[in-house]
Amino acid sequence: MVHFQLTLDTLLALKGDSQIWPDDDTFRSAWLSRPLYQSLRAGKTRMLLEALELAQRTSKQENVPLPGGLTIEHVMPQAWEPDEWPIADPAETGKVIRNQLLHTIGNLTLVTQPLNSALSRGPFKNKRPEITKSLLMLNSYFQRDEFCSATAVWNEEIIMKRSSELFIVAKNVWPRRSSELEASR
């Protein structure tokens, strides 16, 4: 069996658009706006979410493996209904922005298949309590006080905020230190 190990020099030497190791600004821009669920296979998107889950654990959590069979859940469903998911800007521009954010990392999470089926396309006020039953660190976000009121919303602004918070975790999982950046120039 041949074992190939990518070295840092090898990664930094790659030049193709799909191969280049991005700097933090490029990484952040793609992280916040790329529709991962549409542009990557489900397995790769799940792998990213699993890596974020594991990275958020601390020594205060049990070191247990992730359960098999986790599925990707869109917090705001792909087929959102305006009456169940009110849109701040109902104009065409608002709909376009919402549809762009639906498949970004900030709107995606991991749940078991039975929970995924139960969540369906319902409103956030029904979905959030079910997601908070999850033991995953990735879903502890939904236990925050800001989501506990009956008037809590899940919208474009919140999706972007969660994407930004997950980017901080992602930078720690997949770092590119400044010395590496300088060496690649």
C-alpha atoms as a PDB file:
ATOM      1  CA  MET A   1       0.000   0.000   0.000  1.00  0.00           C
ATOM      2  CA  VAL A   2       1.377   3.394  -0.965  1.00  0.00           C
ATOM      3  CA  HIS A   3       0.962   6.072   1.683  1.00  0.00           C
ATOM      4  CA  PHE A   4       1.002   9.641   0.417  1.00  0.00           C
ATOM      5  CA  GLN A   5       1.338  12.441   2.903  1.00  0.00           C
ATOM      6  CA  LEU A   6       0.717  15.993   1.813  1.00  0.00           C
ATOM      7  CA  THR A   7       3.316  18.247   3.296  1.00  0.00           C
ATOM      8  CA  LEU A   8       2.729  21.882   4.014  1.00  0.00           C
ATOM      9  CA  ASP A   9       5.080  22.801   1.155  1.00  0.00           C
ATOM     10  CA  THR A  10       3.099  20.592  -1.220  1.00  0.00           C
ATOM     11  CA  LEU A  11      -0.206  22.178  -0.188  1.00  0.00           C
ATOM     12  CA  LEU A  12       1.154  25.696  -0.545  1.00  0.00           C
ATOM     13  CA  ALA A  13       2.638  24.918  -3.977  1.00  0.00           C
ATOM     14  CA  LEU A  14      -0.729  23.936  -5.465  1.00  0.00           C
ATOM     15  CA  LYS A  15      -1.980  26.539  -7.950  1.00  0.00           C
ATOM     16  CA  GLY A  16      -5.306  25.347  -9.392  1.00  0.00           C
ATOM     17  CA  ASP A  17      -8.494  27.097  -8.241  1.00  0.00           C
ATOM     18  CA  SER A  18      -9.793  23.890  -6.673  1.00  0.00           C
ATOM     19  CA  GLN A  19      -6.443  23.074  -5.065  1.00  0.00           C
ATOM     20  CA  ILE A  20      -5.081  26.318  -3.657  1.00  0.00           C
ATOM     21  CA  TRP A  21      -4.924  26.655   0.103  1.00  0.00           C
ATOM     22  CA  PRO A  22      -6.661  30.012   0.627  1.00  0.00           C
ATOM     23  CA  ASP A  23      -5.529  32.815   2.869  1.00  0.00           C
ATOM     24  CA  ASP A  24      -7.851  33.737   5.740  1.00  0.00           C
ATOM     25  CA  ASP A  25      -9.692  36.466   3.806  1.00  0.00           C
ATOM     26  CA  THR A  26     -10.437  34.173   0.869  1.00  0.00           C
ATOM     27  CA  PHE A  27     -11.385  31.355   3.249  1.00  0.00           C
ATOM     28  CA  ARG A  28     -13.732  33.647   5.205  1.00  0.00           C
ATOM     29  CA  SER A  29     -15.410  35.001   2.081  1.00  0.00           C
ATOM     30  CA  ALA A  30     -16.114  31.506   0.750  1.00  0.00           C
ATOM     31  CA  TRP A  31     -17.120  30.232   4.194  1.00  0.00           C
ATOM     32  CA  LEU A  32     -19.753  32.939   4.591  1.00  0.00           C
ATOM     33  CA  SER A  33     -21.202  32.802   1.097  1.00  0.00           C
ATOM     34  CA  ARG A  34     -20.532  29.440  -0.566  1.00  0.00           C
ATOM     35  CA  PRO A  35     -23.603  27.202  -0.817  1.00  0.00           C
ATOM     36  CA  LEU A  36     -21.795  24.150   0.581  1.00  0.00           C
ATOM     37  CA  TYR A  37     -24.839  21.921   0.493  1.00  0.00           C
ATOM     38  CA  GLN A  38     -25.160  22.501  -3.250  1.00  0.00           C
ATOM     39  CA  SER A  39     -21.484  22.674  -4.212  1.00  0.00           C
ATOM     40  CA  LEU A  40     -20.149  19.714  -2.216  1.00  0.00           C
ATOM     41  CA  ARG A  41     -21.371  16.163  -1.933  1.00  0.00           C
ATOM     42  CA  ALA A  42     -23.432  15.509   1.173  1.00  0.00           C
ATOM     43  CA  GLY A  43     -20.660  13.339   2.613  1.00  0.00           C
ATOM     44  CA  LYS A  44     -18.129  16.165   2.378  1.00  0.00           C
ATOM     45  CA  THR A  45     -20.529  18.679   3.874  1.00  0.00           C
ATOM     46  CA  ARG A  46     -21.253  16.260   6.705  1.00  0.00           C
ATOM     47  CA  MET A  47     -17.487  15.805   7.215  1.00  0.00           C
ATOM     48  CA  LEU A  48     -17.066  19.578   7.585  1.00  0.00           C
ATOM     49  CA  LEU A  49     -19.899  19.752  10.115  1.00  0.00           C
ATOM     50  CA  GLU A  50     -18.482  16.774  12.024  1.00  0.00           C
ATOM     51  CA  ALA A  51     -15.052  18.448  12.171  1.00  0.00           C
ATOM     52  CA  LEU A  52     -16.694  21.604  13.551  1.00  0.00           C
ATOM     53  CA  GLU A  53     -18.542  19.510  16.129  1.00  0.00           C
ATOM     54  CA  LEU A  54     -15.373  17.806  17.333  1.00  0.00           C
ATOM     55  CA  ALA A  55     -13.439  21.089  17.392  1.00  0.00           C
ATOM     56  CA  GLN A  56     -16.009  22.707  19.686  1.00  0.00           C
ATOM     57  CA  ARG A  57     -15.625  20.034  22.330  1.00  0.00           C
ATOM     58  CA  THR A  58     -13.429  20.768  25.311  1.00  0.00           C
ATOM     59  CA  SER A  59     -11.899  18.672  28.043  1.00  0.00           C
ATOM     60  CA  LYS A  60     -15.136  19.231  29.967  1.00  0.00           C
ATOM     61  CA  GLN A  61     -17.119  17.099  27.500  1.00  0.00           C
ATOM     62  CA  GLU A  62     -16.949  13.348  27.266  1.00  0.00           C
ATOM     63  CA  ASN A  63     -14.609  12.150  24.551  1.00  0.00           C
ATOM     64  CA  VAL A  64     -17.119   9.964  22.751  1.00  0.00           C
ATOM     65  CA  PRO A  65     -17.213   9.285  19.027  1.00  0.00           C
ATOM     66  CA  LEU A  66     -19.897  10.852  16.895  1.00  0.00           C
ATOM     67  CA  PRO A  67     -22.860   8.568  16.332  1.00  0.00           C
ATOM     68  CA  GLY A  68     -23.180   7.058  12.887  1.00  0.00           C
ATOM     69  CA  GLY A  69     -25.998   8.068  10.627  1.00  0.00           C
ATOM     70  CA  LEU A  70     -26.041  11.790  11.367  1.00  0.00           C
ATOM     71  CA  THR A  71     -27.761  13.750   8.638  1.00  0.00           C
ATOM     72  CA  ILE A  72     -27.559  17.321   7.463  1.00  0.00           C
ATOM     73  CA  GLU A  73     -30.467  19.506   8.501  1.00  0.00           C
ATOM     74  CA  HIS A  74     -31.312  22.894   7.009  1.00  0.00           C
ATOM     75  CA  VAL A  75     -32.466  24.999   9.966  1.00  0.00           C
ATOM     76  CA  MET A  76     -34.426  27.163   7.555  1.00  0.00           C
ATOM     77  CA  PRO A  77     -35.838  24.559   5.166  1.00  0.00           C
ATOM     78  CA  GLN A  78     -34.949  24.479   1.506  1.00  0.00           C
ATOM     79  CA  ALA A  79     -38.628  24.890   0.679  1.00  0.00           C
ATOM     80  CA  TRP A  80     -39.391  27.667   3.143  1.00  0.00           C
ATOM     81  CA  GLU A  81     -42.868  29.122   3.259  1.00  0.00           C
ATOM     82  CA  PRO A  82     -43.128  32.924   3.743  1.00  0.00           C
ATOM     83  CA  ASP A  83     -45.895  32.578   6.336  1.00  0.00           C
ATOM     84  CA  GLU A  84     -43.828  30.162   8.465  1.00  0.00           C
ATOM     85  CA  TRP A  85     -40.456  31.822   7.781  1.00  0.00           C
ATOM     86  CA  PRO A  86     -41.221  35.577   7.507  1.00  0.00           C
ATOM     87  CA  ILE A  87     -38.811  37.500   5.349  1.00  0.00           C
ATOM     88  CA  ALA A  88     -37.663  40.967   6.373  1.00  0.00           C
ATOM     89  CA  ASP A  89     -37.376  42.120   2.761  1.00  0.00           C
ATOM     90  CA  PRO A  90     -40.137  40.407   0.745  1.00  0.00           C
ATOM     91  CA  ALA A  91     -38.887  42.073  -2.435  1.00  0.00           C
ATOM     92  CA  GLU A  92     -37.185  39.882  -5.037  1.00  0.00           C
ATOM     93  CA  THR A  93     -33.749  40.905  -3.716  1.00  0.00           C
ATOM     94  CA  GLY A  94     -34.622  39.615  -0.248  1.00  0.00           C
ATOM     95  CA  LYS A  95     -35.759  36.292  -1.668  1.00  0.00           C
ATOM     96  CA  VAL A  96     -32.560  35.941  -3.694  1.00  0.00           C
ATOM     97  CA  ILE A  97     -30.394  36.628  -0.638  1.00  0.00           C
ATOM     98  CA  ARG A  98     -32.368  34.154   1.466  1.00  0.00           C
ATOM     99  CA  ASN A  99     -32.102  31.462  -1.181  1.00  0.00           C
ATOM    100  CA  GLN A 100     -28.331  32.046  -1.417  1.00  0.00           C
ATOM    101  CA  LEU A 101     -27.917  31.637   2.353  1.00  0.00           C
ATOM    102  CA  LEU A 102     -30.080  28.507   2.647  1.00  0.00           C
ATOM    103  CA  HIS A 103     -27.218  26.182   1.744  1.00  0.00           C
ATOM    104  CA  THR A 104     -24.401  27.987   3.582  1.00  0.00           C
ATOM    105  CA  ILE A 105     -22.723  26.595   6.691  1.00  0.00           C
ATOM    106  CA  GLY A 106     -24.636  28.935   9.019  1.00  0.00           C
ATOM    107  CA  ASN A 107     -27.952  27.318   8.114  1.00  0.00           C
ATOM    108  CA  LEU A 108     -26.736  23.723   8.306  1.00  0.00           C
ATOM    109  CA  THR A 109     -26.427  21.413  11.285  1.00  0.00           C
ATOM    110  CA  LEU A 110     -26.254  17.722  12.104  1.00  0.00           C
ATOM    111  CA  VAL A 111     -29.082  15.677  13.599  1.00  0.00           C
ATOM    112  CA  THR A 112     -30.130  12.045  13.673  1.00  0.00           C
ATOM    113  CA  GLN A 113     -32.294  10.787  10.796  1.00  0.00           C
ATOM    114  CA  PRO A 114     -35.396  10.401  13.004  1.00  0.00           C
ATOM    115  CA  LEU A 115     -34.995  13.985  14.249  1.00  0.00           C
ATOM    116  CA  ASN A 116     -34.399  15.234  10.711  1.00  0.00           C
ATOM    117  CA  SER A 117     -37.649  13.601   9.582  1.00  0.00           C
ATOM    118  CA  ALA A 118     -39.550  15.042  12.559  1.00  0.00           C
ATOM    119  CA  LEU A 119     -38.276  18.595  11.994  1.00  0.00           C
ATOM    120  CA  SER A 120     -39.603  18.823   8.460  1.00  0.00           C
ATOM    121  CA  ARG A 121     -40.318  22.331   7.150  1.00  0.00           C
ATOM    122  CA  GLY A 122     -41.983  23.731  10.241  1.00  0.00           C
ATOM    123  CA  PRO A 123     -41.453  27.205  11.684  1.00  0.00           C
ATOM    124  CA  PHE A 124     -38.400  27.967  13.830  1.00  0.00           C
ATOM    125  CA  LYS A 125     -40.492  28.182  17.001  1.00  0.00           C
ATOM    126  CA  ASN A 126     -41.306  24.464  16.519  1.00  0.00           C
ATOM    127  CA  LYS A 127     -37.920  23.396  15.176  1.00  0.00           C
ATOM    128  CA  ARG A 128     -35.651  25.019  17.772  1.00  0.00           C
ATOM    129  CA  PRO A 129     -36.903  23.091  20.828  1.00  0.00           C
ATOM    130  CA  GLU A 130     -36.382  19.816  18.982  1.00  0.00           C
ATOM    131  CA  ILE A 131     -32.856  20.732  17.829  1.00  0.00           C
ATOM    132  CA  THR A 132     -31.915  21.674  21.404  1.00  0.00           C
ATOM    133  CA  LYS A 133     -32.591  18.093  22.476  1.00  0.00           C
ATOM    134  CA  SER A 134     -29.476  17.142  20.522  1.00  0.00           C
ATOM    135  CA  LEU A 135     -26.330  16.537  22.580  1.00  0.00           C
ATOM    136  CA  LEU A 136     -24.068  17.903  19.847  1.00  0.00           C
ATOM    137  CA  MET A 137     -22.026  21.009  20.588  1.00  0.00           C
ATOM    138  CA  LEU A 138     -22.914  22.171  17.086  1.00  0.00           C
ATOM    139  CA  ASN A 139     -26.541  22.429  18.210  1.00  0.00           C
ATOM    140  CA  SER A 140     -25.869  24.111  21.553  1.00  0.00           C
ATOM    141  CA  TYR A 141     -26.028  27.366  19.543  1.00  0.00           C
ATOM    142  CA  PHE A 142     -29.817  27.024  19.547  1.00  0.00           C
ATOM    143  CA  GLN A 143     -29.957  26.980  23.363  1.00  0.00           C
ATOM    144  CA  ARG A 144     -28.897  30.611  23.611  1.00  0.00           C
ATOM    145  CA  ASP A 145     -31.198  33.021  25.427  1.00  0.00           C
ATOM    146  CA  GLU A 146     -31.872  34.977  22.226  1.00  0.00           C
ATOM    147  CA  PHE A 147     -33.742  31.960  20.841  1.00  0.00           C
ATOM    148  CA  CYS A 148     -35.776  31.101  23.942  1.00  0.00           C
ATOM    149  CA  SER A 149     -38.564  33.643  23.479  1.00  0.00           C
ATOM    150  CA  ALA A 150     -41.721  32.946  21.512  1.00  0.00           C
ATOM    151  CA  THR A 151     -40.746  35.741  19.113  1.00  0.00           C
ATOM    152  CA  ALA A 152     -37.279  34.337  18.300  1.00  0.00           C
ATOM    153  CA  VAL A 153     -36.505  34.254  14.599  1.00  0.00           C
ATOM    154  CA  TRP A 154     -34.113  32.475  12.294  1.00  0.00           C
ATOM    155  CA  ASN A 155     -33.329  34.730   9.366  1.00  0.00           C
ATOM    156  CA  GLU A 156     -30.559  35.886   7.045  1.00  0.00           C
ATOM    157  CA  GLU A 157     -28.871  38.028   9.705  1.00  0.00           C
ATOM    158  CA  ILE A 158     -28.746  35.134  12.196  1.00  0.00           C
ATOM    159  CA  ILE A 159     -27.512  32.704   9.536  1.00  0.00           C
ATOM    160  CA  MET A 160     -24.643  35.087   8.723  1.00  0.00           C
ATOM    161  CA  LYS A 161     -23.870  35.515  12.430  1.00  0.00           C
ATOM    162  CA  ARG A 162     -23.688  31.750  12.959  1.00  0.00           C
ATOM    163  CA  SER A 163     -21.544  31.365   9.816  1.00  0.00           C
ATOM    164  CA  SER A 164     -19.119  33.947  11.236  1.00  0.00           C
ATOM    165  CA  GLU A 165     -18.942  32.164  14.582  1.00  0.00           C
ATOM    166  CA  LEU A 166     -18.357  28.819  12.885  1.00  0.00           C
ATOM    167  CA  PHE A 167     -15.613  30.426  10.782  1.00  0.00           C
ATOM    168  CA  ILE A 168     -13.644  31.125  13.960  1.00  0.00           C
ATOM    169  CA  VAL A 169     -13.841  27.409  14.756  1.00  0.00           C
ATOM    170  CA  ALA A 170     -12.965  26.475  11.160  1.00  0.00           C
ATOM    171  CA  LYS A 171      -9.846  28.652  11.209  1.00  0.00           C
ATOM    172  CA  ASN A 172      -8.626  26.655  14.192  1.00  0.00           C
ATOM    173  CA  VAL A 173      -9.430  23.360  12.484  1.00  0.00           C
ATOM    174  CA  TRP A 174      -7.817  24.302   9.172  1.00  0.00           C
ATOM    175  CA  PRO A 175      -5.239  26.982  10.048  1.00  0.00           C
ATOM    176  CA  ARG A 176      -2.969  28.788   7.690  1.00  0.00           C
ATOM    177  CA  ARG A 177      -0.450  30.561   9.814  1.00  0.00           C
ATOM    178  CA  SER A 178       1.053  33.861   8.663  1.00  0.00           C
ATOM    179  CA  SER A 179       4.492  32.233   8.295  1.00  0.00           C
ATOM    180  CA  GLU A 180       2.973  29.861   5.734  1.00  0.00           C
ATOM    181  CA  LEU A 181       1.400  32.772   3.914  1.00  0.00           C
ATOM    182  CA  GLU A 182       4.726  34.588   3.724  1.00  0.00           C
ATOM    183  CA  ALA A 183       6.503  31.430   2.521  1.00  0.00           C
ATOM    184  CA  SER A 184       4.016  31.009  -0.336  1.00  0.00           C
ATOM    185  CA  ARG A 185       4.580  34.485  -1.764  1.00  0.00           C
END
